[in-house]
Amino acid sequence: MPYNPFDPQFEDLPEILPILPLEGALLLPRGELPLNIFEPRYLAMVSDALKTNRLIGIIQPDFKMGCVGRIVRFEEMQDGRYVITLRGMWRFRLGLDAITPTLSYRRSHVIWKDFEKDMIKVGCLDVDKPYLKSLLRQYFDSQGLSMDWELMDEVADEGLFVALAMVCPLPASEKQALLEASCCKARADLFIKLLEMALQSGSNTNTRQH
């Protein structure tokens, strides 16, 4: 079922999506990803999406699974940029490129099979919030990040893990693993394991830039 009345139904998803490749970017179902769009080809992509179904596929380069996002907010800036927010919906597997000589941006056939349940809230999480908060405090301190810890207690578990997975500066391969996790519980378990590994190794990861 859709996240809200404006979202498409699963059966109405298109066979072809405009593809925005972003290194280190993670968009998850029901997550929100703010983007600053300034390249001419991607400005054209956003303009075309706004005229149609508002859907854009986000995928990391060199990977075959991504997530479609719907433009839920946008602003036209005086310097010619778009500032948009994508809400993640269903994951997809990348198919063959759809060649359109008149377009400057990439469009690809996508495969939605196996991802119909991505937008269904299942409530399968059993989160040890005190342990998670302790891990996050250590991880955020190591990365020089800050967080509203009181707000964390007010967010539902699944939404919390989606938001944390998207904002934490994990390596691209680890973000992809979170995207490809089979369910919300598997994703939450993996996220905690990744935090533990990062703290044990003391490694520093780079923040995403686009």
Foldseek 3Di string as FASTA:
>chain_A
DDPDPLADAPVPDDQKAFEDAFFQAFAAAQDKDKDKADDPLVLVRQVVLVVDSQKHWYHHPPDFKTWIWHWPDWDQDPVGIIITMTHTRWMWGWDAWDDDPVGPTTMTGTHRPPTNCRNPDDPPDDDPVVVVVVLVVLLCVLAVHDDDVVVLVVDDPLRSLSHCLRFRQDHRVLSVVLRPQNDSHSSVVSVVVSSVVCNVVSDYGDHGDD
